[in-house]
Amino acid sequence: MSSLVRSATVSITSGDLSIPAYLAEPSREGHFGGVVVIQEVFGVNSHIRDVTERIAGAGYVAIAPHIYHRQAPHFEVGYTDGGLELGRQYKMGTRAEELLSDVQGAIDFLLAKDNVRGEGVGCIGFCFGGHVAYLAATLPQVKATASFYGAGLVNSTPGGGEPTLSRTGDIGGTLYGFFGDKDPLISLEEVDQIEAKLAEHHVPHHIFRYPDADHGFFCDQRYSYNAPAAKDAWERVLDLFSKTL
């Protein structure tokens, strides 16, 4: 980690719970935009901590809440078949309203900090976190969302109920979606449906499609890492946050 960034594990409040979160922020004094980072099914692991630090290095205060804390405190695993199976198991135990409460707790923590400016924040999520980030985009203080390859948006929501896509009309900020055309978990037709729903509700948005990219293309610890797609997506994310936060 660069000396320009400092980090720590902190506690945030979600309902009547105190849950851990990984915080990274610029070392220098100043006032910065805030960003919530949402984990993959693998937890707040080294990759998610690295992304959080990269966002801080770009001039934001970033925080990654442990959204599996109710089931598995401080959960993190590597990119193995066993880790994936366990992470998916915990994913099935999440509920949309609890996840929204966790993100809101992270937002409240950020906006209470002296070095965070503004009345709104950004949100970025990957894999399952991409789905949760789309959910979180419906929170009033989320002004910009980067949702990476969140599966199940069209036909499900955590804990059951109407699909998350049905909440699109509640999104008040700008949403960027990032998808790989070779993703076996998200069909091209689903991406079309997501884009159409955003347009239907006049949500400011941009859907980025990468022809040669698979699921997880942004993570340099996964077999599916695609460096050109990841580089382009990162530039798009920074552009989104610079325009809105």
C-alpha atoms as a PDB file:
ATOM      1  CA  MET A   1       0.000   0.000   0.000  1.00  0.00           C
ATOM      2  CA  SER A   2       1.228   3.463  -0.887  1.00  0.00           C
ATOM      3  CA  SER A   3       2.299   5.863   1.857  1.00  0.00           C
ATOM      4  CA  LEU A   4      -0.242   8.236   0.310  1.00  0.00           C
ATOM      5  CA  VAL A   5      -3.033   6.037   1.702  1.00  0.00           C
ATOM      6  CA  ARG A   6      -3.820   4.930   5.228  1.00  0.00           C
ATOM      7  CA  SER A   7      -6.180   2.094   6.150  1.00  0.00           C
ATOM      8  CA  ALA A   8      -7.845   0.487   9.154  1.00  0.00           C
ATOM      9  CA  THR A   9     -10.637  -1.868  10.131  1.00  0.00           C
ATOM     10  CA  VAL A  10     -13.478   0.118  11.664  1.00  0.00           C
ATOM     11  CA  SER A  11     -16.965  -0.602  13.003  1.00  0.00           C
ATOM     12  CA  ILE A  12     -20.124   0.691  11.381  1.00  0.00           C
ATOM     13  CA  THR A  13     -23.706   0.518  12.615  1.00  0.00           C
ATOM     14  CA  SER A  14     -26.348  -1.413  10.678  1.00  0.00           C
ATOM     15  CA  GLY A  15     -29.650  -1.398  12.495  1.00  0.00           C
ATOM     16  CA  ASP A  16     -28.849  -2.704  15.974  1.00  0.00           C
ATOM     17  CA  LEU A  17     -25.659  -4.418  14.826  1.00  0.00           C
ATOM     18  CA  SER A  18     -22.061  -3.289  14.814  1.00  0.00           C
ATOM     19  CA  ILE A  19     -20.238  -4.772  11.831  1.00  0.00           C
ATOM     20  CA  PRO A  20     -16.638  -4.442  10.645  1.00  0.00           C
ATOM     21  CA  ALA A  21     -15.599  -2.565   7.530  1.00  0.00           C
ATOM     22  CA  TYR A  22     -12.280  -1.880   5.809  1.00  0.00           C
ATOM     23  CA  LEU A  23     -11.538   1.828   5.495  1.00  0.00           C
ATOM     24  CA  ALA A  24      -8.930   3.405   3.231  1.00  0.00           C
ATOM     25  CA  GLU A  25      -8.385   7.134   2.818  1.00  0.00           C
ATOM     26  CA  PRO A  26      -5.807   9.607   1.536  1.00  0.00           C
ATOM     27  CA  SER A  27      -3.055  10.316   4.059  1.00  0.00           C
ATOM     28  CA  ARG A  28      -3.070  14.008   3.232  1.00  0.00           C
ATOM     29  CA  GLU A  29      -5.471  16.492   4.715  1.00  0.00           C
ATOM     30  CA  GLY A  30      -8.409  17.605   2.636  1.00  0.00           C
ATOM     31  CA  HIS A  31     -12.037  16.979   1.805  1.00  0.00           C
ATOM     32  CA  PHE A  32     -12.784  14.012  -0.425  1.00  0.00           C
ATOM     33  CA  GLY A  33     -15.703  12.201  -1.983  1.00  0.00           C
ATOM     34  CA  GLY A  34     -16.845   9.011  -0.277  1.00  0.00           C
ATOM     35  CA  VAL A  35     -17.211   5.580  -1.909  1.00  0.00           C
ATOM     36  CA  VAL A  36     -18.710   2.328  -0.611  1.00  0.00           C
ATOM     37  CA  VAL A  37     -17.053  -0.828  -1.965  1.00  0.00           C
ATOM     38  CA  ILE A  38     -19.105  -4.033  -2.051  1.00  0.00           C
ATOM     39  CA  GLN A  39     -17.350  -7.390  -1.891  1.00  0.00           C
ATOM     40  CA  GLU A  40     -17.625 -10.432  -4.137  1.00  0.00           C
ATOM     41  CA  VAL A  41     -18.882 -13.704  -2.634  1.00  0.00           C
ATOM     42  CA  PHE A  42     -15.282 -14.221  -1.471  1.00  0.00           C
ATOM     43  CA  GLY A  43     -15.626 -11.593   1.262  1.00  0.00           C
ATOM     44  CA  VAL A  44     -13.564  -8.521   2.074  1.00  0.00           C
ATOM     45  CA  ASN A  45     -10.418 -10.308   0.939  1.00  0.00           C
ATOM     46  CA  SER A  46      -7.081  -9.030  -0.313  1.00  0.00           C
ATOM     47  CA  HIS A  47      -8.520  -8.079  -3.702  1.00  0.00           C
ATOM     48  CA  ILE A  48     -11.357  -6.029  -2.229  1.00  0.00           C
ATOM     49  CA  ARG A  49      -8.961  -4.353   0.190  1.00  0.00           C
ATOM     50  CA  ASP A  50      -6.688  -3.551  -2.761  1.00  0.00           C
ATOM     51  CA  VAL A  51      -9.580  -2.005  -4.708  1.00  0.00           C
ATOM     52  CA  THR A  52     -10.542   0.027  -1.649  1.00  0.00           C
ATOM     53  CA  GLU A  53      -6.968   1.294  -1.380  1.00  0.00           C
ATOM     54  CA  ARG A  54      -6.820   2.078  -5.102  1.00  0.00           C
ATOM     55  CA  ILE A  55      -9.929   4.219  -4.775  1.00  0.00           C
ATOM     56  CA  ALA A  56      -8.359   6.005  -1.825  1.00  0.00           C
ATOM     57  CA  GLY A  57      -5.220   6.528  -3.879  1.00  0.00           C
ATOM     58  CA  ALA A  58      -7.380   8.211  -6.514  1.00  0.00           C
ATOM     59  CA  GLY A  59      -8.513  10.759  -3.933  1.00  0.00           C
ATOM     60  CA  TYR A  60     -11.570   9.296  -2.208  1.00  0.00           C
ATOM     61  CA  VAL A  61     -12.427   7.934   1.219  1.00  0.00           C
ATOM     62  CA  ALA A  62     -13.468   4.334   0.587  1.00  0.00           C
ATOM     63  CA  ILE A  63     -15.067   1.762   2.859  1.00  0.00           C
ATOM     64  CA  ALA A  64     -15.858  -1.934   2.335  1.00  0.00           C
ATOM     65  CA  PRO A  65     -18.407  -3.344   4.808  1.00  0.00           C
ATOM     66  CA  HIS A  66     -18.390  -7.053   5.691  1.00  0.00           C
ATOM     67  CA  ILE A  67     -21.833  -7.910   4.342  1.00  0.00           C
ATOM     68  CA  TYR A  68     -21.619 -11.581   5.466  1.00  0.00           C
ATOM     69  CA  HIS A  69     -21.011 -10.579   9.079  1.00  0.00           C
ATOM     70  CA  ARG A  70     -24.335 -11.923  10.364  1.00  0.00           C
ATOM     71  CA  GLN A  71     -23.357 -15.411   9.215  1.00  0.00           C
ATOM     72  CA  ALA A  72     -19.545 -15.430   9.150  1.00  0.00           C
ATOM     73  CA  PRO A  73     -17.735 -12.577  10.940  1.00  0.00           C
ATOM     74  CA  HIS A  74     -14.679 -11.266   9.069  1.00  0.00           C
ATOM     75  CA  PHE A  75     -15.238 -13.789   6.270  1.00  0.00           C
ATOM     76  CA  GLU A  76     -12.655 -13.874   3.487  1.00  0.00           C
ATOM     77  CA  VAL A  77     -11.436 -16.634   1.211  1.00  0.00           C
ATOM     78  CA  GLY A  78      -9.306 -16.963  -1.882  1.00  0.00           C
ATOM     79  CA  TYR A  79     -10.350 -17.781  -5.433  1.00  0.00           C
ATOM     80  CA  THR A  80     -10.691 -21.540  -5.064  1.00  0.00           C
ATOM     81  CA  ASP A  81     -13.562 -23.912  -5.752  1.00  0.00           C
ATOM     82  CA  GLY A  82     -14.020 -24.399  -2.022  1.00  0.00           C
ATOM     83  CA  GLY A  83     -14.008 -20.671  -1.384  1.00  0.00           C
ATOM     84  CA  LEU A  84     -16.557 -20.133  -4.128  1.00  0.00           C
ATOM     85  CA  GLU A  85     -18.853 -22.831  -2.736  1.00  0.00           C
ATOM     86  CA  LEU A  86     -18.701 -21.373   0.771  1.00  0.00           C
ATOM     87  CA  GLY A  87     -19.164 -17.809  -0.451  1.00  0.00           C
ATOM     88  CA  ARG A  88     -22.217 -18.794  -2.480  1.00  0.00           C
ATOM     89  CA  GLN A  89     -23.654 -20.533   0.579  1.00  0.00           C
ATOM     90  CA  TYR A  90     -23.417 -17.313   2.588  1.00  0.00           C
ATOM     91  CA  LYS A  91     -24.786 -15.317  -0.327  1.00  0.00           C
ATOM     92  CA  MET A  92     -27.947 -17.404  -0.142  1.00  0.00           C
ATOM     93  CA  GLY A  93     -28.329 -16.358   3.489  1.00  0.00           C
ATOM     94  CA  THR A  94     -28.445 -12.627   2.758  1.00  0.00           C
ATOM     95  CA  ARG A  95     -31.556 -10.472   2.536  1.00  0.00           C
ATOM     96  CA  ALA A  96     -31.990  -7.330   0.469  1.00  0.00           C
ATOM     97  CA  GLU A  97     -33.151  -5.129   3.334  1.00  0.00           C
ATOM     98  CA  GLU A  98     -30.259  -6.212   5.560  1.00  0.00           C
ATOM     99  CA  LEU A  99     -27.793  -5.515   2.762  1.00  0.00           C
ATOM    100  CA  LEU A 100     -29.301  -2.076   2.208  1.00  0.00           C
ATOM    101  CA  SER A 101     -28.988  -1.438   5.944  1.00  0.00           C
ATOM    102  CA  ASP A 102     -25.313  -2.418   5.829  1.00  0.00           C
ATOM    103  CA  VAL A 103     -24.630  -0.082   2.914  1.00  0.00           C
ATOM    104  CA  GLN A 104     -26.535   2.711   4.623  1.00  0.00           C
ATOM    105  CA  GLY A 105     -24.427   2.172   7.728  1.00  0.00           C
ATOM    106  CA  ALA A 106     -21.292   2.548   5.605  1.00  0.00           C
ATOM    107  CA  ILE A 107     -22.707   5.712   4.031  1.00  0.00           C
ATOM    108  CA  ASP A 108     -23.512   7.178   7.441  1.00  0.00           C
ATOM    109  CA  PHE A 109     -19.981   6.410   8.621  1.00  0.00           C
ATOM    110  CA  LEU A 110     -18.457   8.140   5.601  1.00  0.00           C
ATOM    111  CA  LEU A 111     -20.621  11.243   5.761  1.00  0.00           C
ATOM    112  CA  ALA A 112     -19.863  11.669   9.468  1.00  0.00           C
ATOM    113  CA  LYS A 113     -16.130  11.926   8.763  1.00  0.00           C
ATOM    114  CA  ASP A 114     -14.590  15.393   8.719  1.00  0.00           C
ATOM    115  CA  ASN A 115     -12.619  14.654   5.550  1.00  0.00           C
ATOM    116  CA  VAL A 116     -15.626  13.543   3.464  1.00  0.00           C
ATOM    117  CA  ARG A 117     -17.353  16.242   1.450  1.00  0.00           C
ATOM    118  CA  GLY A 118     -20.847  16.459   0.090  1.00  0.00           C
ATOM    119  CA  GLU A 119     -24.164  14.917   0.971  1.00  0.00           C
ATOM    120  CA  GLY A 120     -23.840  11.852  -1.243  1.00  0.00           C
ATOM    121  CA  VAL A 121     -21.457   9.017  -2.043  1.00  0.00           C
ATOM    122  CA  GLY A 122     -20.461   6.631  -4.776  1.00  0.00           C
ATOM    123  CA  CYS A 123     -20.811   2.859  -4.709  1.00  0.00           C
ATOM    124  CA  ILE A 124     -18.922   0.125  -6.527  1.00  0.00           C
ATOM    125  CA  GLY A 125     -19.479  -3.622  -6.352  1.00  0.00           C
ATOM    126  CA  PHE A 126     -18.255  -6.784  -8.037  1.00  0.00           C
ATOM    127  CA  CYS A 127     -19.897 -10.152  -8.716  1.00  0.00           C
ATOM    128  CA  PHE A 128     -22.526 -10.552  -5.969  1.00  0.00           C
ATOM    129  CA  GLY A 129     -21.428  -7.086  -4.899  1.00  0.00           C
ATOM    130  CA  GLY A 130     -22.383  -5.831  -8.354  1.00  0.00           C
ATOM    131  CA  HIS A 131     -25.919  -7.003  -7.653  1.00  0.00           C
ATOM    132  CA  VAL A 132     -25.864  -5.402  -4.207  1.00  0.00           C
ATOM    133  CA  ALA A 133     -24.499  -2.168  -5.689  1.00  0.00           C
ATOM    134  CA  TYR A 134     -27.503  -2.040  -8.053  1.00  0.00           C
ATOM    135  CA  LEU A 135     -29.741  -2.446  -4.998  1.00  0.00           C
ATOM    136  CA  ALA A 136     -27.780   0.240  -3.154  1.00  0.00           C
ATOM    137  CA  ALA A 137     -28.249   2.643  -6.060  1.00  0.00           C
ATOM    138  CA  THR A 138     -31.824   3.027  -4.807  1.00  0.00           C
ATOM    139  CA  LEU A 139     -30.633   4.647  -1.559  1.00  0.00           C
ATOM    140  CA  PRO A 140     -31.144   8.429  -1.623  1.00  0.00           C
ATOM    141  CA  GLN A 141     -27.534   9.344  -0.818  1.00  0.00           C
ATOM    142  CA  VAL A 142     -25.977   7.181  -3.555  1.00  0.00           C
ATOM    143  CA  LYS A 143     -25.163   9.551  -6.405  1.00  0.00           C
ATOM    144  CA  ALA A 144     -23.033   7.264  -8.586  1.00  0.00           C
ATOM    145  CA  THR A 145     -22.916   3.476  -8.908  1.00  0.00           C
ATOM    146  CA  ALA A 146     -20.455   1.192 -10.705  1.00  0.00           C
ATOM    147  CA  SER A 147     -21.985  -2.275 -10.915  1.00  0.00           C
ATOM    148  CA  PHE A 148     -19.655  -5.005 -12.179  1.00  0.00           C
ATOM    149  CA  TYR A 149     -21.183  -8.212 -13.576  1.00  0.00           C
ATOM    150  CA  GLY A 150     -23.895  -8.617 -10.945  1.00  0.00           C
ATOM    151  CA  ALA A 151     -25.715 -11.841 -11.779  1.00  0.00           C
ATOM    152  CA  GLY A 152     -29.390 -12.400 -11.062  1.00  0.00           C
ATOM    153  CA  LEU A 153     -30.584  -8.801 -11.366  1.00  0.00           C
ATOM    154  CA  VAL A 154     -33.268  -9.753 -13.873  1.00  0.00           C
ATOM    155  CA  ASN A 155     -34.768 -12.723 -12.041  1.00  0.00           C
ATOM    156  CA  SER A 156     -33.925 -12.567  -8.328  1.00  0.00           C
ATOM    157  CA  THR A 157     -33.194 -10.496  -5.266  1.00  0.00           C
ATOM    158  CA  PRO A 158     -31.347 -11.511  -2.067  1.00  0.00           C
ATOM    159  CA  GLY A 159     -33.757 -13.232   0.300  1.00  0.00           C
ATOM    160  CA  GLY A 160     -36.489 -13.589  -2.312  1.00  0.00           C
ATOM    161  CA  GLY A 161     -39.198 -11.345  -3.695  1.00  0.00           C
ATOM    162  CA  GLU A 162     -39.502  -9.245  -6.804  1.00  0.00           C
ATOM    163  CA  PRO A 163     -36.297  -9.150  -8.879  1.00  0.00           C
ATOM    164  CA  THR A 164     -33.882  -6.357  -8.081  1.00  0.00           C
ATOM    165  CA  LEU A 165     -34.394  -4.995 -11.599  1.00  0.00           C
ATOM    166  CA  SER A 166     -37.944  -4.041 -10.569  1.00  0.00           C
ATOM    167  CA  ARG A 167     -36.447  -1.393  -8.244  1.00  0.00           C
ATOM    168  CA  THR A 168     -34.765   0.459 -11.097  1.00  0.00           C
ATOM    169  CA  GLY A 169     -37.275   3.318 -10.918  1.00  0.00           C
ATOM    170  CA  ASP A 170     -36.000   4.126  -7.415  1.00  0.00           C
ATOM    171  CA  ILE A 171     -32.451   4.852  -8.622  1.00  0.00           C
ATOM    172  CA  GLY A 172     -31.749   8.551  -8.192  1.00  0.00           C
ATOM    173  CA  GLY A 173     -28.153   8.856  -9.380  1.00  0.00           C
ATOM    174  CA  THR A 174     -26.029   7.723 -12.311  1.00  0.00           C
ATOM    175  CA  LEU A 175     -25.324   4.030 -12.896  1.00  0.00           C
ATOM    176  CA  TYR A 176     -22.552   2.461 -14.939  1.00  0.00           C
ATOM    177  CA  GLY A 177     -22.767  -1.286 -15.603  1.00  0.00           C
ATOM    178  CA  PHE A 178     -19.823  -3.447 -16.672  1.00  0.00           C
ATOM    179  CA  PHE A 179     -20.319  -6.838 -18.329  1.00  0.00           C
ATOM    180  CA  GLY A 180     -18.271  -9.387 -20.224  1.00  0.00           C
ATOM    181  CA  ASP A 181     -19.895 -10.894 -23.304  1.00  0.00           C
ATOM    182  CA  LYS A 182     -18.380 -14.282 -22.393  1.00  0.00           C
ATOM    183  CA  ASP A 183     -19.805 -14.290 -18.853  1.00  0.00           C
ATOM    184  CA  PRO A 184     -21.591 -17.641 -18.370  1.00  0.00           C
ATOM    185  CA  LEU A 185     -23.593 -16.249 -15.442  1.00  0.00           C
ATOM    186  CA  ILE A 186     -25.146 -13.275 -17.259  1.00  0.00           C
ATOM    187  CA  SER A 187     -26.608 -13.670 -20.723  1.00  0.00           C
ATOM    188  CA  LEU A 188     -26.427 -10.997 -23.383  1.00  0.00           C
ATOM    189  CA  GLU A 189     -30.224 -10.876 -23.249  1.00  0.00           C
ATOM    190  CA  GLU A 190     -30.125 -10.074 -19.529  1.00  0.00           C
ATOM    191  CA  VAL A 191     -27.718  -7.211 -20.149  1.00  0.00           C
ATOM    192  CA  ASP A 192     -30.127  -5.929 -22.802  1.00  0.00           C
ATOM    193  CA  GLN A 193     -32.976  -6.093 -20.281  1.00  0.00           C
ATOM    194  CA  ILE A 194     -30.976  -4.171 -17.689  1.00  0.00           C
ATOM    195  CA  GLU A 195     -30.103  -1.469 -20.200  1.00  0.00           C
ATOM    196  CA  ALA A 196     -33.712  -1.233 -21.392  1.00  0.00           C
ATOM    197  CA  LYS A 197     -35.043  -0.898 -17.848  1.00  0.00           C
ATOM    198  CA  LEU A 198     -32.580   1.888 -17.037  1.00  0.00           C
ATOM    199  CA  ALA A 199     -33.639   3.711 -20.207  1.00  0.00           C
ATOM    200  CA  GLU A 200     -37.334   3.155 -19.442  1.00  0.00           C
ATOM    201  CA  HIS A 201     -36.962   4.882 -16.079  1.00  0.00           C
ATOM    202  CA  HIS A 202     -34.700   7.622 -17.469  1.00  0.00           C
ATOM    203  CA  VAL A 203     -31.843   6.712 -15.129  1.00  0.00           C
ATOM    204  CA  PRO A 204     -28.601   8.342 -16.304  1.00  0.00           C
ATOM    205  CA  HIS A 205     -26.525   5.329 -17.246  1.00  0.00           C
ATOM    206  CA  HIS A 206     -23.952   3.700 -19.453  1.00  0.00           C
ATOM    207  CA  ILE A 207     -23.584  -0.041 -20.036  1.00  0.00           C
ATOM    208  CA  PHE A 208     -20.079  -1.155 -21.000  1.00  0.00           C
ATOM    209  CA  ARG A 209     -19.740  -4.509 -22.753  1.00  0.00           C
ATOM    210  CA  TYR A 210     -16.400  -6.233 -23.240  1.00  0.00           C
ATOM    211  CA  PRO A 211     -16.467  -8.822 -26.063  1.00  0.00           C
ATOM    212  CA  ASP A 212     -13.564 -10.942 -24.825  1.00  0.00           C
ATOM    213  CA  ALA A 213     -14.254 -10.703 -21.078  1.00  0.00           C
ATOM    214  CA  ASP A 214     -15.538 -13.423 -18.743  1.00  0.00           C
ATOM    215  CA  HIS A 215     -17.093 -13.170 -15.289  1.00  0.00           C
ATOM    216  CA  GLY A 216     -14.701 -11.610 -12.770  1.00  0.00           C
ATOM    217  CA  PHE A 217     -12.634  -9.904 -15.455  1.00  0.00           C
ATOM    218  CA  PHE A 218     -11.666  -7.006 -13.175  1.00  0.00           C
ATOM    219  CA  CYS A 219      -9.972  -9.149 -10.510  1.00  0.00           C
ATOM    220  CA  ASP A 220      -6.279  -9.788 -11.121  1.00  0.00           C
ATOM    221  CA  GLN A 221      -6.378 -12.775  -8.745  1.00  0.00           C
ATOM    222  CA  ARG A 222      -8.886 -14.709 -10.859  1.00  0.00           C
ATOM    223  CA  TYR A 223      -8.188 -16.914 -13.880  1.00  0.00           C
ATOM    224  CA  SER A 224     -10.668 -14.771 -15.815  1.00  0.00           C
ATOM    225  CA  TYR A 225      -8.731 -11.524 -15.333  1.00  0.00           C
ATOM    226  CA  ASN A 226      -8.736  -9.481 -18.523  1.00  0.00           C
ATOM    227  CA  ALA A 227      -6.171  -6.687 -18.264  1.00  0.00           C
ATOM    228  CA  PRO A 228      -7.389  -4.500 -21.173  1.00  0.00           C
ATOM    229  CA  ALA A 229     -11.025  -4.689 -20.044  1.00  0.00           C
ATOM    230  CA  ALA A 230     -10.062  -4.036 -16.429  1.00  0.00           C
ATOM    231  CA  LYS A 231      -7.972  -1.015 -17.397  1.00  0.00           C
ATOM    232  CA  ASP A 232     -10.766   0.480 -19.480  1.00  0.00           C
ATOM    233  CA  ALA A 233     -13.366  -0.189 -16.779  1.00  0.00           C
ATOM    234  CA  TRP A 234     -11.206   1.426 -14.096  1.00  0.00           C
ATOM    235  CA  GLU A 235     -10.855   4.569 -16.205  1.00  0.00           C
ATOM    236  CA  ARG A 236     -14.629   4.649 -16.660  1.00  0.00           C
ATOM    237  CA  VAL A 237     -15.185   4.300 -12.917  1.00  0.00           C
ATOM    238  CA  LEU A 238     -12.813   7.145 -12.098  1.00  0.00           C
ATOM    239  CA  ASP A 239     -14.507   9.289 -14.736  1.00  0.00           C
ATOM    240  CA  LEU A 240     -17.926   8.541 -13.209  1.00  0.00           C
ATOM    241  CA  PHE A 241     -16.812   9.419  -9.687  1.00  0.00           C
ATOM    242  CA  SER A 242     -14.975  12.571 -10.795  1.00  0.00           C
ATOM    243  CA  LYS A 243     -18.153  13.867 -12.455  1.00  0.00           C
ATOM    244  CA  THR A 244     -20.552  13.079  -9.630  1.00  0.00           C
ATOM    245  CA  LEU A 245     -18.784  13.168  -6.238  1.00  0.00           C
END
